[in-house]
Amino acid sequence: MFVFDRDLAPYLDRAIAAELSGELTDAGLNVIDLAKPSGLQKDKLYRILSARRSCTVVELMKICAAIPVDPYELLRSATTRAERIRRTTIERAEEAEGQMSEVF
């Protein structure tokens, strides 16, 4: 059974964008190449791939079909990446907090 960790939500857009960008690069494609087969506008793709905009499930499926990549595998990888991003963010915040307490 899948249990969604709500604490990952703020990191998922970045993780999905990074995974999609990596798959795009691996496929030797760019946003212009992706626009027509995905049916999505270039500016929307740029915003999704830079994590400035969330990706809907339908958009994700269209992008994955155009690359092509398995959307379920991509989400699994993105979830793992989001967990790493979250862990790193927390560790950095704790380090900064420790450094601040040393100063004062």
PDB file of N, CA and C in Angstrom:
ATOM      1  N   MET A   1       0.843  -1.186   0.000  1.00  0.00           N
ATOM      2  CA  MET A   1       0.000   0.000   0.000  1.00  0.00           C
ATOM      3  C   MET A   1       0.884   1.243   0.000  1.00  0.00           C
ATOM      4  N   PHE A   2       0.516   2.191  -0.805  1.00  0.00           N
ATOM      5  CA  PHE A   2       1.269   3.432  -0.912  1.00  0.00           C
ATOM      6  C   PHE A   2       0.790   4.426   0.143  1.00  0.00           C
ATOM      7  N   VAL A   3       1.730   5.019   0.844  1.00  0.00           N
ATOM      8  CA  VAL A   3       1.416   6.062   1.818  1.00  0.00           C
ATOM      9  C   VAL A   3       2.187   7.309   1.401  1.00  0.00           C
ATOM     10  N   PHE A   4       1.472   8.384   1.174  1.00  0.00           N
ATOM     11  CA  PHE A   4       2.111   9.632   0.749  1.00  0.00           C
ATOM     12  C   PHE A   4       2.595  10.416   1.950  1.00  0.00           C
ATOM     13  N   ASP A   5       3.846  10.757   1.923  1.00  0.00           N
ATOM     14  CA  ASP A   5       4.454  11.572   2.971  1.00  0.00           C
ATOM     15  C   ASP A   5       4.218  13.044   2.601  1.00  0.00           C
ATOM     16  N   ARG A   6       3.287  13.678   3.268  1.00  0.00           N
ATOM     17  CA  ARG A   6       2.910  15.056   2.945  1.00  0.00           C
ATOM     18  C   ARG A   6       4.072  16.038   3.092  1.00  0.00           C
ATOM     19  N   ASP A   7       5.067  15.685   3.893  1.00  0.00           N
ATOM     20  CA  ASP A   7       6.229  16.554   4.054  1.00  0.00           C
ATOM     21  C   ASP A   7       7.065  16.634   2.781  1.00  0.00           C
ATOM     22  N   LEU A   8       6.859  15.701   1.853  1.00  0.00           N
ATOM     23  CA  LEU A   8       7.606  15.721   0.593  1.00  0.00           C
ATOM     24  C   LEU A   8       7.023  16.694  -0.427  1.00  0.00           C
ATOM     25  N   ALA A   9       5.781  17.078  -0.236  1.00  0.00           N
ATOM     26  CA  ALA A   9       5.078  17.909  -1.221  1.00  0.00           C
ATOM     27  C   ALA A   9       5.881  19.119  -1.702  1.00  0.00           C
ATOM     28  N   PRO A  10       6.508  19.890  -0.810  1.00  0.00           N
ATOM     29  CA  PRO A  10       7.244  21.068  -1.288  1.00  0.00           C
ATOM     30  C   PRO A  10       8.448  20.736  -2.168  1.00  0.00           C
ATOM     31  N   TYR A  11       8.894  19.497  -2.143  1.00  0.00           N
ATOM     32  CA  TYR A  11      10.099  19.109  -2.876  1.00  0.00           C
ATOM     33  C   TYR A  11       9.792  18.347  -4.164  1.00  0.00           C
ATOM     34  N   LEU A  12       8.552  17.920  -4.333  1.00  0.00           N
ATOM     35  CA  LEU A  12       8.206  17.081  -5.478  1.00  0.00           C
ATOM     36  C   LEU A  12       8.297  17.793  -6.821  1.00  0.00           C
ATOM     37  N   ASP A  13       7.881  19.046  -6.900  1.00  0.00           N
ATOM     38  CA  ASP A  13       7.967  19.754  -8.181  1.00  0.00           C
ATOM     39  C   ASP A  13       9.412  19.825  -8.664  1.00  0.00           C
ATOM     40  N   ARG A  14      10.324  20.155  -7.750  1.00  0.00           N
ATOM     41  CA  ARG A  14      11.750  20.209  -8.106  1.00  0.00           C
ATOM     42  C   ARG A  14      12.257  18.840  -8.539  1.00  0.00           C
ATOM     43  N   ALA A  15      11.851  17.810  -7.812  1.00  0.00           N
ATOM     44  CA  ALA A  15      12.307  16.462  -8.120  1.00  0.00           C
ATOM     45  C   ALA A  15      11.746  15.972  -9.456  1.00  0.00           C
ATOM     46  N   ILE A  16      10.480  16.219  -9.712  1.00  0.00           N
ATOM     47  CA  ILE A  16       9.874  15.824 -10.991  1.00  0.00           C
ATOM     48  C   ILE A  16      10.541  16.573 -12.136  1.00  0.00           C
ATOM     49  N   ALA A  17      10.763  17.857 -11.953  1.00  0.00           N
ATOM     50  CA  ALA A  17      11.428  18.663 -12.988  1.00  0.00           C
ATOM     51  C   ALA A  17      12.827  18.111 -13.281  1.00  0.00           C
ATOM     52  N   ALA A  18      13.567  17.768 -12.242  1.00  0.00           N
ATOM     53  CA  ALA A  18      14.921  17.244 -12.430  1.00  0.00           C
ATOM     54  C   ALA A  18      14.895  15.897 -13.147  1.00  0.00           C
ATOM     55  N   GLU A  19      13.970  15.038 -12.763  1.00  0.00           N
ATOM     56  CA  GLU A  19      13.862  13.727 -13.412  1.00  0.00           C
ATOM     57  C   GLU A  19      13.466  13.870 -14.881  1.00  0.00           C
ATOM     58  N   LEU A  20      12.482  14.716 -15.155  1.00  0.00           N
ATOM     59  CA  LEU A  20      12.066  14.930 -16.541  1.00  0.00           C
ATOM     60  C   LEU A  20      13.203  15.524 -17.377  1.00  0.00           C
ATOM     61  N   SER A  21      13.905  16.493 -16.809  1.00  0.00           N
ATOM     62  CA  SER A  21      15.026  17.115 -17.528  1.00  0.00           C
ATOM     63  C   SER A  21      16.105  16.089 -17.847  1.00  0.00           C
ATOM     64  N   GLY A  22      16.399  15.225 -16.879  1.00  0.00           N
ATOM     65  CA  GLY A  22      17.394  14.181 -17.105  1.00  0.00           C
ATOM     66  C   GLY A  22      16.974  13.215 -18.201  1.00  0.00           C
ATOM     67  N   GLU A  23      15.717  12.813 -18.175  1.00  0.00           N
ATOM     68  CA  GLU A  23      15.208  11.904 -19.208  1.00  0.00           C
ATOM     69  C   GLU A  23      15.220  12.570 -20.583  1.00  0.00           C
ATOM     70  N   LEU A  24      14.898  13.839 -20.606  1.00  0.00           N
ATOM     71  CA  LEU A  24      14.900  14.597 -21.856  1.00  0.00           C
ATOM     72  C   LEU A  24      16.306  14.646 -22.437  1.00  0.00           C
ATOM     73  N   THR A  25      17.270  14.935 -21.588  1.00  0.00           N
ATOM     74  CA  THR A  25      18.667  14.985 -22.012  1.00  0.00           C
ATOM     75  C   THR A  25      19.126  13.611 -22.498  1.00  0.00           C
ATOM     76  N   ASP A  26      18.799  12.569 -21.735  1.00  0.00           N
ATOM     77  CA  ASP A  26      19.182  11.206 -22.121  1.00  0.00           C
ATOM     78  C   ASP A  26      18.607  10.816 -23.482  1.00  0.00           C
ATOM     79  N   ALA A  27      17.422  11.317 -23.784  1.00  0.00           N
ATOM     80  CA  ALA A  27      16.771  11.012 -25.056  1.00  0.00           C
ATOM     81  C   ALA A  27      17.282  11.906 -26.186  1.00  0.00           C
ATOM     82  N   GLY A  28      18.142  12.873 -25.839  1.00  0.00           N
ATOM     83  CA  GLY A  28      18.675  13.786 -26.857  1.00  0.00           C
ATOM     84  C   GLY A  28      17.643  14.769 -27.374  1.00  0.00           C
ATOM     85  N   LEU A  29      16.688  15.094 -26.523  1.00  0.00           N
ATOM     86  CA  LEU A  29      15.606  16.007 -26.905  1.00  0.00           C
ATOM     87  C   LEU A  29      15.716  17.317 -26.150  1.00  0.00           C
ATOM     88  N   ASN A  30      15.024  18.331 -26.672  1.00  0.00           N
ATOM     89  CA  ASN A  30      14.905  19.602 -25.965  1.00  0.00           C
ATOM     90  C   ASN A  30      13.423  19.988 -25.929  1.00  0.00           C
ATOM     91  N   VAL A  31      13.138  21.116 -25.344  1.00  0.00           N
ATOM     92  CA  VAL A  31      11.740  21.543 -25.184  1.00  0.00           C
ATOM     93  C   VAL A  31      11.054  21.718 -26.537  1.00  0.00           C
ATOM     94  N   ILE A  32      11.763  22.231 -27.501  1.00  0.00           N
ATOM     95  CA  ILE A  32      11.170  22.425 -28.831  1.00  0.00           C
ATOM     96  C   ILE A  32      10.774  21.075 -29.428  1.00  0.00           C
ATOM     97  N   ASP A  33      11.662  20.074 -29.260  1.00  0.00           N
ATOM     98  CA  ASP A  33      11.359  18.728 -29.757  1.00  0.00           C
ATOM     99  C   ASP A  33      10.166  18.112 -29.037  1.00  0.00           C
ATOM    100  N   LEU A  34       9.986  18.473 -27.793  1.00  0.00           N
ATOM    101  CA  LEU A  34       8.964  17.878 -26.937  1.00  0.00           C
ATOM    102  C   LEU A  34       7.583  18.518 -27.111  1.00  0.00           C
ATOM    103  N   ALA A  35       7.545  19.762 -27.526  1.00  0.00           N
ATOM    104  CA  ALA A  35       6.286  20.509 -27.567  1.00  0.00           C
ATOM    105  C   ALA A  35       5.228  19.844 -28.451  1.00  0.00           C
ATOM    106  N   LYS A  36       5.575  19.545 -29.679  1.00  0.00           N
ATOM    107  CA  LYS A  36       4.572  19.011 -30.595  1.00  0.00           C
ATOM    108  C   LYS A  36       4.065  17.625 -30.181  1.00  0.00           C
ATOM    109  N   PRO A  37       4.943  16.637 -29.933  1.00  0.00           N
ATOM    110  CA  PRO A  37       4.408  15.318 -29.584  1.00  0.00           C
ATOM    111  C   PRO A  37       3.684  15.271 -28.229  1.00  0.00           C
ATOM    112  N   SER A  38       4.026  16.180 -27.335  1.00  0.00           N
ATOM    113  CA  SER A  38       3.340  16.196 -26.033  1.00  0.00           C
ATOM    114  C   SER A  38       2.038  16.989 -26.094  1.00  0.00           C
ATOM    115  N   GLY A  39       1.929  17.869 -27.098  1.00  0.00           N
ATOM    116  CA  GLY A  39       0.742  18.711 -27.203  1.00  0.00           C
ATOM    117  C   GLY A  39       0.732  19.861 -26.215  1.00  0.00           C
ATOM    118  N   LEU A  40       1.895  20.132 -25.605  1.00  0.00           N
ATOM    119  CA  LEU A  40       1.999  21.212 -24.620  1.00  0.00           C
ATOM    120  C   LEU A  40       2.805  22.369 -25.205  1.00  0.00           C
ATOM    121  N   GLN A  41       2.440  23.580 -24.811  1.00  0.00           N
ATOM    122  CA  GLN A  41       3.150  24.758 -25.291  1.00  0.00           C
ATOM    123  C   GLN A  41       4.553  24.818 -24.691  1.00  0.00           C
ATOM    124  N   LYS A  42       5.485  25.384 -25.483  1.00  0.00           N
ATOM    125  CA  LYS A  42       6.876  25.473 -25.035  1.00  0.00           C
ATOM    126  C   LYS A  42       7.012  26.211 -23.709  1.00  0.00           C
ATOM    127  N   ASP A  43       6.299  27.327 -23.552  1.00  0.00           N
ATOM    128  CA  ASP A  43       6.447  28.093 -22.305  1.00  0.00           C
ATOM    129  C   ASP A  43       5.964  27.289 -21.094  1.00  0.00           C
ATOM    130  N   LYS A  44       4.925  26.481 -21.273  1.00  0.00           N
ATOM    131  CA  LYS A  44       4.435  25.637 -20.184  1.00  0.00           C
ATOM    132  C   LYS A  44       5.478  24.565 -19.851  1.00  0.00           C
ATOM    133  N   LEU A  45       6.076  23.981 -20.878  1.00  0.00           N
ATOM    134  CA  LEU A  45       7.117  22.976 -20.663  1.00  0.00           C
ATOM    135  C   LEU A  45       8.321  23.576 -19.946  1.00  0.00           C
ATOM    136  N   TYR A  46       8.730  24.760 -20.357  1.00  0.00           N
ATOM    137  CA  TYR A  46       9.859  25.426 -19.685  1.00  0.00           C
ATOM    138  C   TYR A  46       9.552  25.634 -18.197  1.00  0.00           C
ATOM    139  N   ARG A  47       8.350  26.060 -17.885  1.00  0.00           N
ATOM    140  CA  ARG A  47       7.982  26.301 -16.481  1.00  0.00           C
ATOM    141  C   ARG A  47       7.942  24.995 -15.680  1.00  0.00           C
ATOM    142  N   ILE A  48       7.451  23.938 -16.294  1.00  0.00           N
ATOM    143  CA  ILE A  48       7.416  22.638 -15.613  1.00  0.00           C
ATOM    144  C   ILE A  48       8.838  22.132 -15.389  1.00  0.00           C
ATOM    145  N   LEU A  49       9.673  22.210 -16.424  1.00  0.00           N
ATOM    146  CA  LEU A  49      11.038  21.680 -16.338  1.00  0.00           C
ATOM    147  C   LEU A  49      11.955  22.518 -15.453  1.00  0.00           C
ATOM    148  N   SER A  50      11.548  23.725 -15.144  1.00  0.00           N
ATOM    149  CA  SER A  50      12.341  24.553 -14.224  1.00  0.00           C
ATOM    150  C   SER A  50      11.690  24.609 -12.835  1.00  0.00           C
ATOM    151  N   ALA A  51      10.653  23.807 -12.640  1.00  0.00           N
ATOM    152  CA  ALA A  51       9.933  23.713 -11.358  1.00  0.00           C
ATOM    153  C   ALA A  51       9.304  25.030 -10.945  1.00  0.00           C
ATOM    154  N   ARG A  52       9.001  25.877 -11.912  1.00  0.00           N
ATOM    155  CA  ARG A  52       8.289  27.113 -11.594  1.00  0.00           C
ATOM    156  C   ARG A  52       6.784  26.903 -11.670  1.00  0.00           C
ATOM    157  N   ARG A  53       6.395  25.715 -12.096  1.00  0.00           N
ATOM    158  CA  ARG A  53       4.977  25.374 -12.222  1.00  0.00           C
ATOM    159  C   ARG A  53       4.820  23.890 -11.944  1.00  0.00           C
ATOM    160  N   SER A  54       3.774  23.530 -11.216  1.00  0.00           N
ATOM    161  CA  SER A  54       3.487  22.114 -10.990  1.00  0.00           C
ATOM    162  C   SER A  54       3.012  21.466 -12.279  1.00  0.00           C
ATOM    163  N   CYS A  55       3.224  20.186 -12.350  1.00  0.00           N
ATOM    164  CA  CYS A  55       2.835  19.405 -13.522  1.00  0.00           C
ATOM    165  C   CYS A  55       1.595  18.593 -13.155  1.00  0.00           C
ATOM    166  N   THR A  56       0.540  18.700 -13.945  1.00  0.00           N
ATOM    167  CA  THR A  56      -0.637  17.874 -13.672  1.00  0.00           C
ATOM    168  C   THR A  56      -0.332  16.430 -14.080  1.00  0.00           C
ATOM    169  N   VAL A  57      -1.154  15.519 -13.635  1.00  0.00           N
ATOM    170  CA  VAL A  57      -0.974  14.112 -13.995  1.00  0.00           C
ATOM    171  C   VAL A  57      -1.092  13.936 -15.505  1.00  0.00           C
ATOM    172  N   VAL A  58      -2.058  14.590 -16.109  1.00  0.00           N
ATOM    173  CA  VAL A  58      -2.245  14.482 -17.556  1.00  0.00           C
ATOM    174  C   VAL A  58      -1.022  15.035 -18.289  1.00  0.00           C
ATOM    175  N   GLU A  59      -0.510  16.173 -17.854  1.00  0.00           N
ATOM    176  CA  GLU A  59       0.691  16.735 -18.483  1.00  0.00           C
ATOM    177  C   GLU A  59       1.881  15.803 -18.327  1.00  0.00           C
ATOM    178  N   LEU A  60       2.021  15.219 -17.143  1.00  0.00           N
ATOM    179  CA  LEU A  60       3.113  14.290 -16.909  1.00  0.00           C
ATOM    180  C   LEU A  60       3.011  13.093 -17.856  1.00  0.00           C
ATOM    181  N   MET A  61       1.820  12.556 -18.011  1.00  0.00           N
ATOM    182  CA  MET A  61       1.622  11.419 -18.916  1.00  0.00           C
ATOM    183  C   MET A  61       1.953  11.799 -20.363  1.00  0.00           C
ATOM    184  N   LYS A  62       1.548  12.986 -20.781  1.00  0.00           N
ATOM    185  CA  LYS A  62       1.838  13.442 -22.146  1.00  0.00           C
ATOM    186  C   LYS A  62       3.343  13.610 -22.357  1.00  0.00           C
ATOM    187  N   ILE A  63       4.009  14.200 -21.390  1.00  0.00           N
ATOM    188  CA  ILE A  63       5.453  14.418 -21.496  1.00  0.00           C
ATOM    189  C   ILE A  63       6.179  13.074 -21.519  1.00  0.00           C
ATOM    190  N   CYS A  64       5.811  12.186 -20.618  1.00  0.00           N
ATOM    191  CA  CYS A  64       6.454  10.875 -20.559  1.00  0.00           C
ATOM    192  C   CYS A  64       6.243  10.081 -21.844  1.00  0.00           C
ATOM    193  N   ALA A  65       5.045  10.150 -22.416  1.00  0.00           N
ATOM    194  CA  ALA A  65       4.769   9.450 -23.674  1.00  0.00           C
ATOM    195  C   ALA A  65       5.609  10.020 -24.817  1.00  0.00           C
ATOM    196  N   ALA A  66       5.846  11.328 -24.797  1.00  0.00           N
ATOM    197  CA  ALA A  66       6.605  11.979 -25.868  1.00  0.00           C
ATOM    198  C   ALA A  66       8.099  11.698 -25.776  1.00  0.00           C
ATOM    199  N   ILE A  67       8.630  11.423 -24.574  1.00  0.00           N
ATOM    200  CA  ILE A  67      10.091  11.260 -24.426  1.00  0.00           C
ATOM    201  C   ILE A  67      10.620   9.972 -25.070  1.00  0.00           C
ATOM    202  N   PRO A  68      10.172   8.804 -24.938  1.00  0.00           N
ATOM    203  CA  PRO A  68       9.240   8.158 -24.032  1.00  0.00           C
ATOM    204  C   PRO A  68       9.949   7.618 -22.775  1.00  0.00           C
ATOM    205  N   VAL A  69       9.225   7.657 -21.673  1.00  0.00           N
ATOM    206  CA  VAL A  69       9.704   7.121 -20.399  1.00  0.00           C
ATOM    207  C   VAL A  69       8.489   6.647 -19.603  1.00  0.00           C
ATOM    208  N   ASP A  70       8.688   5.653 -18.783  1.00  0.00           N
ATOM    209  CA  ASP A  70       7.610   5.106 -17.961  1.00  0.00           C
ATOM    210  C   ASP A  70       7.267   6.108 -16.858  1.00  0.00           C
ATOM    211  N   PRO A  71       6.051   6.659 -16.848  1.00  0.00           N
ATOM    212  CA  PRO A  71       5.691   7.677 -15.852  1.00  0.00           C
ATOM    213  C   PRO A  71       5.725   7.148 -14.422  1.00  0.00           C
ATOM    214  N   TYR A  72       5.434   5.875 -14.239  1.00  0.00           N
ATOM    215  CA  TYR A  72       5.436   5.311 -12.886  1.00  0.00           C
ATOM    216  C   TYR A  72       6.866   5.214 -12.351  1.00  0.00           C
ATOM    217  N   GLU A  73       7.771   4.816 -13.230  1.00  0.00           N
ATOM    218  CA  GLU A  73       9.177   4.745 -12.841  1.00  0.00           C
ATOM    219  C   GLU A  73       9.723   6.153 -12.573  1.00  0.00           C
ATOM    220  N   LEU A  74       9.313   7.111 -13.390  1.00  0.00           N
ATOM    221  CA  LEU A  74       9.751   8.492 -13.195  1.00  0.00           C
ATOM    222  C   LEU A  74       9.270   9.024 -11.846  1.00  0.00           C
ATOM    223  N   LEU A  75       8.023   8.744 -11.498  1.00  0.00           N
ATOM    224  CA  LEU A  75       7.494   9.188 -10.202  1.00  0.00           C
ATOM    225  C   LEU A  75       8.202   8.509  -9.038  1.00  0.00           C
ATOM    226  N   ARG A  76       8.538   7.254  -9.218  1.00  0.00           N
ATOM    227  CA  ARG A  76       9.277   6.538  -8.167  1.00  0.00           C
ATOM    228  C   ARG A  76      10.641   7.209  -7.961  1.00  0.00           C
ATOM    229  N   SER A  77      11.332   7.495  -9.059  1.00  0.00           N
ATOM    230  CA  SER A  77      12.640   8.164  -8.978  1.00  0.00           C
ATOM    231  C   SER A  77      12.508   9.573  -8.407  1.00  0.00           C
ATOM    232  N   ALA A  78      11.456  10.275  -8.804  1.00  0.00           N
ATOM    233  CA  ALA A  78      11.241  11.639  -8.308  1.00  0.00           C
ATOM    234  C   ALA A  78      10.957  11.638  -6.813  1.00  0.00           C
ATOM    235  N   THR A  79      10.234  10.638  -6.337  1.00  0.00           N
ATOM    236  CA  THR A  79       9.949  10.548  -4.902  1.00  0.00           C
ATOM    237  C   THR A  79      11.239  10.325  -4.115  1.00  0.00           C
ATOM    238  N   THR A  80      12.089   9.451  -4.620  1.00  0.00           N
ATOM    239  CA  THR A  80      13.394   9.210  -3.983  1.00  0.00           C
ATOM    240  C   THR A  80      14.228  10.480  -3.977  1.00  0.00           C
ATOM    241  N   ARG A  81      14.225  11.189  -5.106  1.00  0.00           N
ATOM    242  CA  ARG A  81      14.969  12.451  -5.202  1.00  0.00           C
ATOM    243  C   ARG A  81      14.405  13.486  -4.235  1.00  0.00           C
ATOM    244  N   ALA A  82      13.078  13.574  -4.127  1.00  0.00           N
ATOM    245  CA  ALA A  82      12.449  14.535  -3.215  1.00  0.00           C
ATOM    246  C   ALA A  82      12.842  14.239  -1.770  1.00  0.00           C
ATOM    247  N   GLU A  83      12.927  12.959  -1.427  1.00  0.00           N
ATOM    248  CA  GLU A  83      13.366  12.590  -0.077  1.00  0.00           C
ATOM    249  C   GLU A  83      14.798  13.052   0.181  1.00  0.00           C
ATOM    250  N   ARG A  84      15.676  12.897  -0.835  1.00  0.00           N
ATOM    251  CA  ARG A  84      17.064  13.362  -0.702  1.00  0.00           C
ATOM    252  C   ARG A  84      17.130  14.870  -0.568  1.00  0.00           C
ATOM    253  N   ILE A  85      16.343  15.575  -1.366  1.00  0.00           N
ATOM    254  CA  ILE A  85      16.321  17.046  -1.306  1.00  0.00           C
ATOM    255  C   ILE A  85      15.864  17.493   0.077  1.00  0.00           C
ATOM    256  N   ARG A  86      14.816  16.864   0.568  1.00  0.00           N
ATOM    257  CA  ARG A  86      14.298  17.221   1.901  1.00  0.00           C
ATOM    258  C   ARG A  86      15.339  16.976   2.984  1.00  0.00           C
ATOM    259  N   ARG A  87      15.978  15.811   2.935  1.00  0.00           N
ATOM    260  CA  ARG A  87      17.002  15.468   3.923  1.00  0.00           C
ATOM    261  C   ARG A  87      18.153  16.477   3.891  1.00  0.00           C
ATOM    262  N   THR A  88      18.609  16.814   2.686  1.00  0.00           N
ATOM    263  CA  THR A  88      19.696  17.782   2.535  1.00  0.00           C
ATOM    264  C   THR A  88      19.290  19.154   3.052  1.00  0.00           C
ATOM    265  N   THR A  89      18.079  19.565   2.753  1.00  0.00           N
ATOM    266  CA  THR A  89      17.575  20.865   3.220  1.00  0.00           C
ATOM    267  C   THR A  89      17.545  20.918   4.743  1.00  0.00           C
ATOM    268  N   ILE A  90      17.073  19.852   5.363  1.00  0.00           N
ATOM    269  CA  ILE A  90      17.003  19.796   6.829  1.00  0.00           C
ATOM    270  C   ILE A  90      18.411  19.816   7.426  1.00  0.00           C
ATOM    271  N   GLU A  91      19.315  19.029   6.848  1.00  0.00           N
ATOM    272  CA  GLU A  91      20.694  18.985   7.356  1.00  0.00           C
ATOM    273  C   GLU A  91      21.357  20.361   7.265  1.00  0.00           C
ATOM    274  N   ARG A  92      21.158  21.036   6.147  1.00  0.00           N
ATOM    275  CA  ARG A  92      21.750  22.377   5.982  1.00  0.00           C
ATOM    276  C   ARG A  92      21.165  23.367   6.974  1.00  0.00           C
ATOM    277  N   ALA A  93      19.867  23.272   7.208  1.00  0.00           N
ATOM    278  CA  ALA A  93      19.228  24.172   8.173  1.00  0.00           C
ATOM    279  C   ALA A  93      19.755  23.908   9.573  1.00  0.00           C
ATOM    280  N   GLU A  94      19.945  22.640   9.911  1.00  0.00           N
ATOM    281  CA  GLU A  94      20.485  22.302  11.235  1.00  0.00           C
ATOM    282  C   GLU A  94      21.926  22.776  11.385  1.00  0.00           C
ATOM    283  N   GLU A  95      22.718  22.639  10.313  1.00  0.00           N
ATOM    284  CA  GLU A  95      24.101  23.145  10.348  1.00  0.00           C
ATOM    285  C   GLU A  95      24.136  24.661  10.546  1.00  0.00           C
ATOM    286  N   ALA A  96      23.301  25.352   9.809  1.00  0.00           N
ATOM    287  CA  ALA A  96      23.243  26.814   9.915  1.00  0.00           C
ATOM    288  C   ALA A  96      22.804  27.227  11.318  1.00  0.00           C
ATOM    289  N   GLU A  97      21.835  26.499  11.858  1.00  0.00           N
ATOM    290  CA  GLU A  97      21.360  26.799  13.205  1.00  0.00           C
ATOM    291  C   GLU A  97      22.492  26.579  14.232  1.00  0.00           C
ATOM    292  N   GLY A  98      23.247  25.507  14.038  1.00  0.00           N
ATOM    293  CA  GLY A  98      24.370  25.236  14.932  1.00  0.00           C
ATOM    294  C   GLY A  98      25.445  26.301  14.847  1.00  0.00           C
ATOM    295  N   GLN A  99      25.710  26.762  13.651  1.00  0.00           N
ATOM    296  CA  GLN A  99      26.704  27.820  13.461  1.00  0.00           C
ATOM    297  C   GLN A  99      26.234  29.135  14.093  1.00  0.00           C
ATOM    298  N   MET A 100      24.950  29.398  13.988  1.00  0.00           N
ATOM    299  CA  MET A 100      24.410  30.626  14.586  1.00  0.00           C
ATOM    300  C   MET A 100      24.495  30.581  16.099  1.00  0.00           C
ATOM    301  N   SER A 101      24.239  29.401  16.680  1.00  0.00           N
ATOM    302  CA  SER A 101      24.291  29.300  18.136  1.00  0.00           C
ATOM    303  C   SER A 101      25.721  29.417  18.636  1.00  0.00           C
ATOM    304  N   GLU A 102      26.706  29.043  17.823  1.00  0.00           N
ATOM    305  CA  GLU A 102      28.115  29.201  18.197  1.00  0.00           C
ATOM    306  C   GLU A 102      28.514  30.677  18.229  1.00  0.00           C
ATOM    307  N   VAL A 103      27.919  31.457  17.334  1.00  0.00           N
ATOM    308  CA  VAL A 103      28.230  32.871  17.249  1.00  0.00           C
ATOM    309  C   VAL A 103      27.675  33.626  18.445  1.00  0.00           C
ATOM    310  N   PHE A 104      26.486  33.238  18.873  1.00  0.00           N
ATOM    311  CA  PHE A 104      25.848  33.957  19.970  1.00  0.00           C
ATOM    312  C   PHE A 104      26.060  33.192  21.211  1.00  0.00           C
TER     313      PHE A 104
END
